[in-house]
N, C-alpha and C. Protein backbone atom coordinates (compact mmCIF):
# COMPACT_ATOMS: atom_id res chain seq x y z
N MET A 1 117.75 272.69 8.55
CA MET A 1 117.94 273.89 8.25
C MET A 1 119.03 273.56 6.95
N LYS A 2 118.35 273.85 5.86
CA LYS A 2 119.07 273.45 4.39
C LYS A 2 120.32 274.66 4.49
N LYS A 3 121.41 273.50 3.99
CA LYS A 3 122.94 274.90 4.03
C LYS A 3 122.51 275.14 2.56
N PRO A 4 123.29 276.96 2.82
CA PRO A 4 123.30 277.28 1.47
C PRO A 4 124.57 276.51 0.89
N GLU A 5 124.56 277.00 -0.56
CA GLU A 5 125.33 276.06 -1.34
C GLU A 5 126.82 276.99 -1.30
N LEU A 6 126.82 278.47 -1.40
CA LEU A 6 127.57 279.55 -1.76
C LEU A 6 127.52 280.06 -0.76
N ILE A 7 128.70 280.87 0.29
CA ILE A 7 128.34 281.50 1.10
C ILE A 7 129.85 282.93 1.06
N GLU A 8 129.09 283.61 0.93
CA GLU A 8 130.12 284.94 -0.43
C GLU A 8 130.47 285.87 1.61
N LEU A 9 131.86 285.88 1.85
CA LEU A 9 131.70 286.94 2.80
C LEU A 9 132.87 287.72 2.32
N SER A 10 132.26 288.83 1.66
CA SER A 10 133.61 289.88 0.25
C SER A 10 134.19 290.59 1.44
N ARG A 11 134.01 290.98 2.42
CA ARG A 11 134.66 291.55 3.03
C ARG A 11 134.96 291.70 4.60
N VAL A 12 135.73 290.42 5.44
CA VAL A 12 134.89 290.13 6.60
C VAL A 12 135.61 291.03 7.18
N ASP A 13 135.06 290.89 8.75
CA ASP A 13 135.26 292.10 9.59
C ASP A 13 136.20 291.43 10.52
N PHE A 14 136.49 289.89 10.70
CA PHE A 14 137.56 289.19 11.32
C PHE A 14 137.47 287.83 10.76
N VAL A 15 138.12 286.98 10.92
CA VAL A 15 138.57 285.89 10.32
C VAL A 15 140.08 284.98 11.62
N THR A 16 139.82 283.93 11.95
CA THR A 16 140.37 283.20 12.82
C THR A 16 140.28 282.20 12.96
N ILE A 17 141.26 281.39 13.55
CA ILE A 17 141.84 279.78 13.81
C ILE A 17 141.85 280.05 14.93
N ASP A 18 141.58 278.73 15.38
CA ASP A 18 141.48 278.45 17.25
C ASP A 18 140.77 277.31 17.08
N THR A 19 140.78 276.18 18.74
CA THR A 19 140.48 274.92 18.72
C THR A 19 139.90 275.15 20.29
N ILE A 20 139.35 273.84 20.25
CA ILE A 20 138.25 273.79 21.76
C ILE A 20 138.52 272.46 21.75
N GLY A 21 138.67 272.18 23.18
CA GLY A 21 139.44 270.76 23.80
C GLY A 21 140.62 270.60 24.05
N PRO A 22 141.25 269.52 24.75
CA PRO A 22 142.20 269.83 25.73
C PRO A 22 143.26 268.81 24.27
N PRO A 23 144.58 269.18 24.37
CA PRO A 23 145.95 268.27 23.52
C PRO A 23 145.79 266.85 22.79
N GLY A 24 145.42 266.73 21.95
CA GLY A 24 145.32 265.26 21.64
C GLY A 24 143.29 265.12 21.44
N LYS A 25 142.86 265.82 21.40
CA LYS A 25 141.32 265.55 21.40
C LYS A 25 140.91 267.38 20.96
N ARG A 26 141.23 267.76 20.71
CA ARG A 26 141.00 269.58 19.73
C ARG A 26 140.47 269.34 18.69
N VAL A 27 139.26 269.73 18.32
CA VAL A 27 138.78 270.13 17.65
C VAL A 27 139.25 271.90 16.53
N PHE A 28 139.53 271.65 15.52
CA PHE A 28 140.19 272.44 14.37
C PHE A 28 138.56 273.54 14.74
N TYR A 29 138.60 274.79 14.29
CA TYR A 29 137.59 275.69 13.86
C TYR A 29 138.86 276.74 12.90
N LEU A 30 138.16 277.62 11.92
CA LEU A 30 138.28 278.26 10.85
C LEU A 30 136.90 279.36 11.28
N GLN A 31 137.15 280.67 11.54
CA GLN A 31 135.63 281.29 12.18
C GLN A 31 135.86 282.33 10.87
N ALA A 32 134.56 283.26 10.31
CA ALA A 32 135.24 284.97 10.14
C ALA A 32 133.43 285.16 10.37
N ALA A 33 133.57 286.20 9.96
CA ALA A 33 132.18 287.02 10.07
C ALA A 33 132.32 288.79 9.11
N GLN A 34 131.30 288.54 8.78
CA GLN A 34 130.82 290.11 7.93
C GLN A 34 129.49 290.45 8.21
N ASN A 35 129.84 291.81 9.16
CA ASN A 35 128.31 292.31 9.56
C ASN A 35 127.98 291.45 10.60
N ASP A 36 126.96 290.77 10.52
CA ASP A 36 125.88 290.03 11.47
C ASP A 36 125.82 288.55 10.52
N LEU A 37 126.50 288.08 10.26
CA LEU A 37 126.33 287.12 9.61
C LEU A 37 128.12 286.65 9.97
N LEU A 38 127.96 285.07 10.99
CA LEU A 38 129.23 284.31 11.44
C LEU A 38 128.97 282.78 10.91
N VAL A 39 130.34 282.42 10.15
CA VAL A 39 130.37 281.35 9.20
C VAL A 39 131.88 280.50 10.59
N THR A 40 131.21 279.55 10.78
CA THR A 40 132.13 278.51 11.69
C THR A 40 132.13 277.41 10.86
N LEU A 41 133.58 276.48 10.76
CA LEU A 41 133.94 275.37 9.81
C LEU A 41 135.03 274.65 10.37
N ILE A 42 134.67 273.08 10.74
CA ILE A 42 135.41 272.67 11.58
C ILE A 42 136.53 272.01 10.42
N ILE A 43 137.85 272.22 10.77
CA ILE A 43 139.10 271.93 10.00
C ILE A 43 139.83 270.92 10.39
N GLU A 44 141.08 270.30 9.75
CA GLU A 44 141.70 269.71 10.83
C GLU A 44 142.49 270.51 10.51
N LYS A 45 143.65 270.01 12.19
CA LYS A 45 145.01 270.61 12.31
C LYS A 45 145.75 270.51 11.00
N GLU A 46 145.84 269.67 9.98
CA GLU A 46 147.04 269.78 8.90
C GLU A 46 146.19 271.03 7.71
N HIS A 47 144.78 271.50 7.75
CA HIS A 47 144.58 272.55 6.88
C HIS A 47 145.36 273.75 7.51
N ALA A 48 144.90 273.63 8.98
CA ALA A 48 145.54 274.75 9.71
C ALA A 48 147.10 275.17 9.31
N ALA A 49 147.56 273.88 9.45
CA ALA A 49 149.01 273.89 9.36
C ALA A 49 148.85 274.64 7.88
N ALA A 50 148.67 273.77 7.26
CA ALA A 50 148.91 274.19 5.69
C ALA A 50 148.57 275.87 4.98
N LEU A 51 147.22 276.27 5.97
CA LEU A 51 146.76 277.01 5.24
C LEU A 51 147.62 278.45 5.66
N SER A 52 148.14 278.27 7.34
CA SER A 52 149.02 279.11 7.77
C SER A 52 150.31 279.23 6.51
N ILE A 53 151.17 278.44 6.11
CA ILE A 53 152.25 278.26 5.62
C ILE A 53 151.64 278.59 3.91
N ALA A 54 150.47 278.56 3.79
CA ALA A 54 149.86 278.88 2.39
C ALA A 54 150.18 280.06 2.05
N ILE A 55 149.50 281.10 3.33
CA ILE A 55 149.20 282.35 3.35
C ILE A 55 150.77 283.02 3.49
N GLN A 56 151.54 282.92 4.30
CA GLN A 56 152.84 283.26 4.53
C GLN A 56 153.23 282.68 3.45
N GLY A 57 153.79 282.21 2.35
CA GLY A 57 154.47 282.47 0.92
C GLY A 57 153.56 283.00 -0.23
N LEU A 58 152.51 283.15 0.00
CA LEU A 58 151.52 283.98 -0.86
C LEU A 58 152.09 285.62 -0.68
N LEU A 59 151.96 285.81 0.44
CA LEU A 59 152.04 287.32 0.76
C LEU A 59 154.01 287.81 0.56
N LEU A 60 154.29 286.80 0.77
CA LEU A 60 156.18 286.76 0.41
C LEU A 60 156.28 287.01 -1.28
N GLN A 61 155.31 286.39 -1.30
CA GLN A 61 155.26 286.67 -3.11
C GLN A 61 154.98 287.86 -3.53
N LEU A 62 153.72 288.07 -3.04
CA LEU A 62 153.03 289.36 -3.24
C LEU A 62 154.21 290.49 -3.04
N GLY A 63 155.07 290.85 -1.89
CA GLY A 63 156.23 291.26 -1.58
C GLY A 63 155.11 292.62 -0.61
N GLU A 64 155.59 293.56 -0.22
CA GLU A 64 155.42 294.79 0.67
C GLU A 64 153.56 294.96 0.29
N MET A 65 153.55 294.70 2.01
CA MET A 65 151.92 295.12 2.14
C MET A 65 151.83 296.50 1.92
N LYS A 66 150.37 296.53 1.43
CA LYS A 66 150.25 298.15 1.41
C LYS A 66 149.34 298.87 2.46
N GLU A 67 149.79 300.17 2.70
CA GLU A 67 149.54 300.88 4.00
C GLU A 67 147.95 300.00 4.53
N GLN A 68 147.93 299.06 5.77
CA GLN A 68 147.19 298.76 5.92
C GLN A 68 147.26 298.55 7.39
N PRO A 69 146.10 298.56 8.76
CA PRO A 69 146.61 298.89 9.77
C PRO A 69 146.59 297.07 10.49
N LEU A 70 147.99 296.51 11.32
CA LEU A 70 147.94 295.39 11.46
C LEU A 70 146.73 294.96 12.53
N HIS A 71 146.61 293.84 12.01
CA HIS A 71 145.24 292.79 12.65
C HIS A 71 146.34 291.70 13.35
N ILE A 72 145.35 291.49 14.39
CA ILE A 72 145.57 290.65 15.26
C ILE A 72 144.50 289.56 15.66
N ALA A 73 144.66 288.50 14.97
CA ALA A 73 143.38 287.00 15.12
C ALA A 73 142.32 286.81 16.82
N SER A 74 141.66 287.01 16.67
CA SER A 74 141.17 286.83 18.04
C SER A 74 140.59 285.17 18.24
N GLY A 75 140.21 284.89 19.22
CA GLY A 75 139.74 283.88 19.64
C GLY A 75 138.03 283.22 18.90
N LEU A 76 138.01 282.53 18.91
CA LEU A 76 136.43 282.33 19.13
C LEU A 76 135.11 282.88 19.56
N VAL A 77 134.22 283.19 18.33
CA VAL A 77 132.91 284.01 19.10
C VAL A 77 131.72 282.68 19.66
N GLN A 78 131.32 282.68 20.48
CA GLN A 78 130.89 281.87 21.28
C GLN A 78 129.20 282.19 21.07
N PRO A 79 128.13 281.29 21.11
CA PRO A 79 128.49 279.90 20.97
C PRO A 79 129.32 279.52 19.54
N VAL A 80 129.29 278.29 19.36
CA VAL A 80 130.46 277.98 18.47
C VAL A 80 129.43 277.06 17.91
N ARG A 81 128.85 277.09 16.44
CA ARG A 81 128.44 276.46 15.90
C ARG A 81 128.60 275.74 14.41
N PRO A 82 129.30 274.57 13.96
CA PRO A 82 130.10 274.40 12.91
C PRO A 82 128.93 274.37 11.92
N LEU A 83 128.89 275.26 10.85
CA LEU A 83 128.23 274.79 9.27
C LEU A 83 128.47 273.79 8.58
N PHE A 84 129.89 273.32 8.83
CA PHE A 84 130.19 272.14 8.05
C PHE A 84 131.54 271.59 8.20
N ARG A 85 132.07 270.44 7.97
CA ARG A 85 133.34 270.16 8.24
C ARG A 85 133.73 269.97 6.32
N VAL A 86 135.17 270.65 6.71
CA VAL A 86 136.10 271.58 5.22
C VAL A 86 136.72 270.12 4.93
N GLY A 87 136.22 269.69 3.82
CA GLY A 87 137.27 268.50 2.98
C GLY A 87 138.35 269.34 2.38
N ARG A 88 138.32 270.23 1.68
CA ARG A 88 139.35 271.41 1.06
C ARG A 88 139.14 272.68 0.70
N LEU A 89 140.50 272.91 1.24
CA LEU A 89 140.85 274.68 1.09
C LEU A 89 141.68 274.90 0.40
N GLY A 90 141.75 276.75 -0.43
CA GLY A 90 142.30 277.07 -1.32
C GLY A 90 142.20 278.68 -1.11
N LEU A 91 143.07 278.89 -2.00
CA LEU A 91 143.87 279.94 -1.52
C LEU A 91 144.06 280.62 -2.86
N GLY A 92 143.73 282.07 -2.91
CA GLY A 92 143.80 283.01 -3.85
C GLY A 92 144.38 284.33 -3.56
N TYR A 93 144.14 285.50 -4.88
CA TYR A 93 143.98 286.23 -4.61
C TYR A 93 143.82 287.37 -5.90
N ASP A 94 143.40 288.48 -5.15
CA ASP A 94 142.30 289.55 -6.09
C ASP A 94 143.25 290.38 -6.56
N GLU A 95 144.18 290.92 -7.50
CA GLU A 95 145.29 291.84 -7.69
C GLU A 95 144.06 292.90 -7.76
N THR A 96 142.75 292.84 -7.98
CA THR A 96 142.45 294.58 -8.61
C THR A 96 142.18 295.20 -6.87
N ASP A 97 141.58 294.31 -6.70
CA ASP A 97 141.01 294.81 -4.66
C ASP A 97 142.20 294.65 -3.03
N ASP A 98 143.59 293.64 -4.01
CA ASP A 98 144.28 293.49 -3.19
C ASP A 98 143.38 292.66 -2.36
N MET A 99 142.92 291.54 -2.25
CA MET A 99 142.31 290.64 -1.32
C MET A 99 142.91 289.55 -1.32
N LEU A 100 143.33 288.74 -0.55
CA LEU A 100 143.24 287.27 -0.33
C LEU A 100 141.84 286.66 -0.26
N VAL A 101 141.90 285.62 -0.40
CA VAL A 101 140.22 284.48 -0.49
C VAL A 101 140.80 283.24 -0.09
N ILE A 102 139.76 282.66 0.69
CA ILE A 102 140.25 281.14 1.10
C ILE A 102 139.05 280.59 1.29
N THR A 103 138.93 280.04 -0.04
CA THR A 103 137.71 278.66 -0.33
C THR A 103 137.46 277.65 0.47
N ALA A 104 136.51 277.36 1.41
CA ALA A 104 136.46 276.40 1.79
C ALA A 104 135.25 275.38 1.33
N GLU A 105 135.69 274.18 1.03
CA GLU A 105 134.56 273.33 0.56
C GLU A 105 133.97 272.33 1.42
N GLU A 106 132.80 271.81 1.47
CA GLU A 106 132.59 270.79 2.24
C GLU A 106 132.86 269.64 2.13
N LEU A 107 133.17 268.56 3.15
CA LEU A 107 133.60 267.16 2.77
C LEU A 107 132.13 266.62 2.50
N VAL A 108 131.99 265.85 1.81
CA VAL A 108 130.82 265.09 1.02
C VAL A 108 131.52 263.79 0.45
N THR A 109 130.65 262.97 1.85
CA THR A 109 130.73 261.59 1.84
C THR A 109 130.18 260.84 0.39
N ASP A 110 128.85 261.90 0.19
CA ASP A 110 128.17 260.99 -0.41
C ASP A 110 127.86 261.91 -1.72
N GLU A 111 128.96 261.13 -2.82
CA GLU A 111 129.18 261.54 -4.68
C GLU A 111 127.81 262.25 -5.02
N SER A 112 126.78 261.51 -4.73
CA SER A 112 125.57 262.21 -5.78
C SER A 112 125.28 263.62 -5.33
N ARG A 113 125.81 264.34 -3.93
CA ARG A 113 125.39 265.65 -4.27
C ARG A 113 126.74 266.88 -3.69
N GLN A 114 126.65 267.51 -4.02
CA GLN A 114 127.95 269.04 -3.95
C GLN A 114 127.60 269.18 -3.15
N GLY A 115 128.84 269.35 -1.82
CA GLY A 115 128.92 269.87 -1.01
C GLY A 115 128.66 271.55 -0.91
N ALA A 116 128.35 272.43 -0.14
CA ALA A 116 128.48 273.71 0.51
C ALA A 116 129.94 274.57 0.14
N ARG A 117 130.15 275.44 -0.12
CA ARG A 117 131.31 276.09 -0.49
C ARG A 117 130.93 277.58 0.30
N VAL A 118 132.58 278.27 1.26
CA VAL A 118 132.50 279.30 1.77
C VAL A 118 133.63 280.42 1.16
N ASN A 119 133.38 281.70 1.06
CA ASN A 119 134.43 282.04 -0.05
C ASN A 119 134.56 283.21 1.34
N ILE A 120 136.21 283.39 1.89
CA ILE A 120 136.64 284.24 3.05
C ILE A 120 137.15 285.01 2.45
N TRP A 121 136.71 286.63 2.21
CA TRP A 121 138.02 287.51 1.48
C TRP A 121 138.48 288.36 2.89
N GLY A 122 139.52 288.65 2.42
CA GLY A 122 140.27 289.53 3.56
C GLY A 122 141.72 289.92 3.47
N SER A 123 141.85 291.12 4.24
CA SER A 123 142.99 292.14 3.44
C SER A 123 144.44 291.13 4.16
N ARG A 124 145.60 291.71 3.08
CA ARG A 124 146.59 291.09 3.29
C ARG A 124 147.00 290.70 4.74
N SER A 125 146.95 292.02 5.51
CA SER A 125 147.32 292.33 6.88
C SER A 125 146.13 291.20 7.61
N GLN A 126 144.53 291.27 7.67
CA GLN A 126 144.12 290.14 8.44
C GLN A 126 144.46 288.61 8.12
N MET A 127 144.67 288.33 6.75
CA MET A 127 145.41 287.02 6.60
C MET A 127 146.66 286.66 6.89
N ALA A 128 147.40 287.93 7.26
CA ALA A 128 148.71 288.03 7.59
C ALA A 128 148.83 287.28 9.74
N ALA A 129 147.70 287.99 9.89
CA ALA A 129 147.09 288.20 11.49
C ALA A 129 146.88 286.50 11.71
N LEU A 130 145.84 286.16 10.13
CA LEU A 130 145.34 284.75 10.70
C LEU A 130 146.51 283.48 10.57
N ALA A 131 147.28 283.33 9.39
CA ALA A 131 148.64 282.33 9.43
C ALA A 131 149.38 282.34 10.55
N ARG A 132 149.81 283.72 11.22
CA ARG A 132 150.42 283.69 12.58
C ARG A 132 149.49 283.23 13.54
N LYS A 133 148.20 283.22 13.93
CA LYS A 133 147.48 283.02 14.80
C LYS A 133 147.82 281.40 14.18
N ALA A 134 146.96 280.77 13.22
CA ALA A 134 147.02 279.22 12.83
C ALA A 134 148.65 278.18 13.14
N ALA A 135 149.58 279.22 13.44
CA ALA A 135 150.50 278.19 13.33
C ALA A 135 150.73 278.25 14.98
N VAL A 136 150.89 279.48 15.39
CA VAL A 136 150.75 279.17 17.10
C VAL A 136 149.47 277.90 17.48
N VAL A 137 148.52 278.06 16.83
CA VAL A 137 147.05 277.01 17.90
C VAL A 137 147.85 275.77 17.41
N VAL A 138 148.58 275.48 15.88
CA VAL A 138 149.02 274.20 15.69
C VAL A 138 150.43 273.65 16.68
N ALA A 139 150.95 274.31 16.75
CA ALA A 139 151.98 274.18 18.14
C ALA A 139 151.77 273.99 19.09
N SER A 140 150.74 274.60 19.37
CA SER A 140 150.27 274.72 20.82
C SER A 140 149.76 273.33 21.14
N GLY A 141 149.59 271.91 20.48
CA GLY A 141 149.42 270.97 21.20
C GLY A 141 150.43 270.18 21.71
N ARG A 142 150.18 268.86 21.79
CA ARG A 142 150.89 267.90 22.15
C ARG A 142 152.16 267.86 21.94
N PRO A 143 153.37 267.63 22.95
CA PRO A 143 154.30 267.97 22.56
C PRO A 143 155.14 266.26 21.59
N LEU A 144 155.96 266.41 20.99
CA LEU A 144 156.49 265.35 20.35
C LEU A 144 157.64 264.76 20.53
N CYS A 145 157.64 263.35 19.94
CA CYS A 145 158.76 262.96 20.83
C CYS A 145 159.77 263.16 19.83
N PRO A 146 161.29 263.24 20.77
CA PRO A 146 161.95 263.38 19.64
C PRO A 146 162.84 262.71 18.98
N LEU A 147 162.70 261.56 19.02
CA LEU A 147 162.64 260.70 17.70
C LEU A 147 161.88 259.72 16.60
N CYS A 148 160.83 259.86 17.51
CA CYS A 148 159.51 259.85 15.97
C CYS A 148 158.86 260.44 15.93
N HIS A 149 159.27 261.71 16.29
CA HIS A 149 157.95 262.83 16.09
C HIS A 149 156.23 262.40 16.36
N GLU A 150 156.36 261.77 16.79
CA GLU A 150 154.46 261.00 17.39
C GLU A 150 154.29 262.15 18.54
N PRO A 151 153.29 262.17 18.50
CA PRO A 151 152.52 262.82 19.54
C PRO A 151 152.88 262.38 20.81
N LEU A 152 153.06 263.14 22.18
CA LEU A 152 153.13 262.28 23.57
C LEU A 152 151.98 262.67 23.67
N ASN A 153 151.13 261.64 24.69
CA ASN A 153 150.47 262.17 25.35
C ASN A 153 149.87 261.83 26.71
N PRO A 154 150.13 263.51 27.36
CA PRO A 154 150.30 263.70 28.82
C PRO A 154 149.89 261.87 29.66
N GLY A 155 150.51 262.01 30.88
CA GLY A 155 150.29 260.50 31.67
C GLY A 155 150.33 259.34 30.96
N GLU A 156 151.02 259.03 30.04
CA GLU A 156 150.79 257.51 29.31
C GLU A 156 152.53 257.51 28.68
N ARG A 157 153.14 255.96 28.92
CA ARG A 157 154.39 255.59 28.31
C ARG A 157 154.01 255.70 26.99
N HIS A 158 155.05 256.54 26.38
CA HIS A 158 155.77 256.41 24.97
C HIS A 158 156.66 255.38 25.00
N VAL A 159 156.06 254.27 23.59
CA VAL A 159 157.24 253.39 23.24
C VAL A 159 157.53 253.97 21.68
N CYS A 160 158.84 254.22 21.99
CA CYS A 160 158.90 254.91 20.60
C CYS A 160 159.34 253.83 19.50
N THR A 161 159.05 253.94 18.18
CA THR A 161 159.42 252.96 17.07
C THR A 161 160.41 253.37 16.33
N LYS A 162 161.73 254.43 17.01
CA LYS A 162 162.30 254.59 16.45
C LYS A 162 163.58 254.14 17.31
N GLY A 163 163.07 253.25 18.96
CA GLY A 163 164.15 252.44 19.36
C GLY A 163 163.53 251.33 19.37
N ASN A 164 162.97 250.54 18.54
CA ASN A 164 162.58 249.32 17.96
C ASN A 164 161.48 249.04 19.34
N GLY A 165 160.82 249.39 20.39
CA GLY A 165 160.36 249.12 21.11
C GLY A 165 160.81 249.15 22.57
N ARG A 166 162.35 249.24 22.42
CA ARG A 166 162.81 248.83 23.85
C ARG A 166 163.04 250.32 24.38
N ARG A 167 163.47 251.27 23.65
CA ARG A 167 162.99 252.89 24.20
C ARG A 167 161.62 253.55 24.48
N SER A 168 161.60 253.71 25.55
CA SER A 168 160.25 254.95 26.18
C SER A 168 160.89 256.01 26.48
N VAL A 169 159.40 257.06 26.26
CA VAL A 169 160.23 258.54 26.55
C VAL A 169 158.98 258.68 27.95
C-alpha cells in the first residue's frame, strides 16, 4: 500500500505516546486519531522526551489555557500498525484557532524520494496531557547508573565507566 504524502489530522479526538516491549527493548509510538482515521508512528525515546519538553515550554510561553476540559492521554489503540518511522518532529502553534500542531516527517534513507508527513492538531489541553504522558513513559524505562548515567540492564552486572572498570553497580 502506498503511503500518502500528507495526512492532516485537523482536530484530533485523541493523541498519545506509549511503548510496547520490556525496558531496554521498548518501541515508542506516537498515535493520534480523528474520526475513523487512526495514525500510528514509530518514534525514538529522544523524540518523546524532546516533544514533552517542547510542548511544556510552548504552553508556558503561551500562558494561561483558555477554558478547556482537562484531557488525560490514554494508552495505544490496538492493533498497533505503524505507518512509518519518524525522522523529524516539529511543534507549532496557530494563534487564530488556539491549536498546537505536531509535524512528524518520515525517516527517509533514500534521498531520491520524499517521505510522508503527518500533521497532528490538538488543543492546549490535549497537548498538555500528551506532554505529561510522554514524560512518564520516558521515565519508566531502565534505571540509570548513579555515577555514569548509563541504563542498567536487569540481571546484568554493570561495569561503570566512571569507576575505571573497577567499580560495578
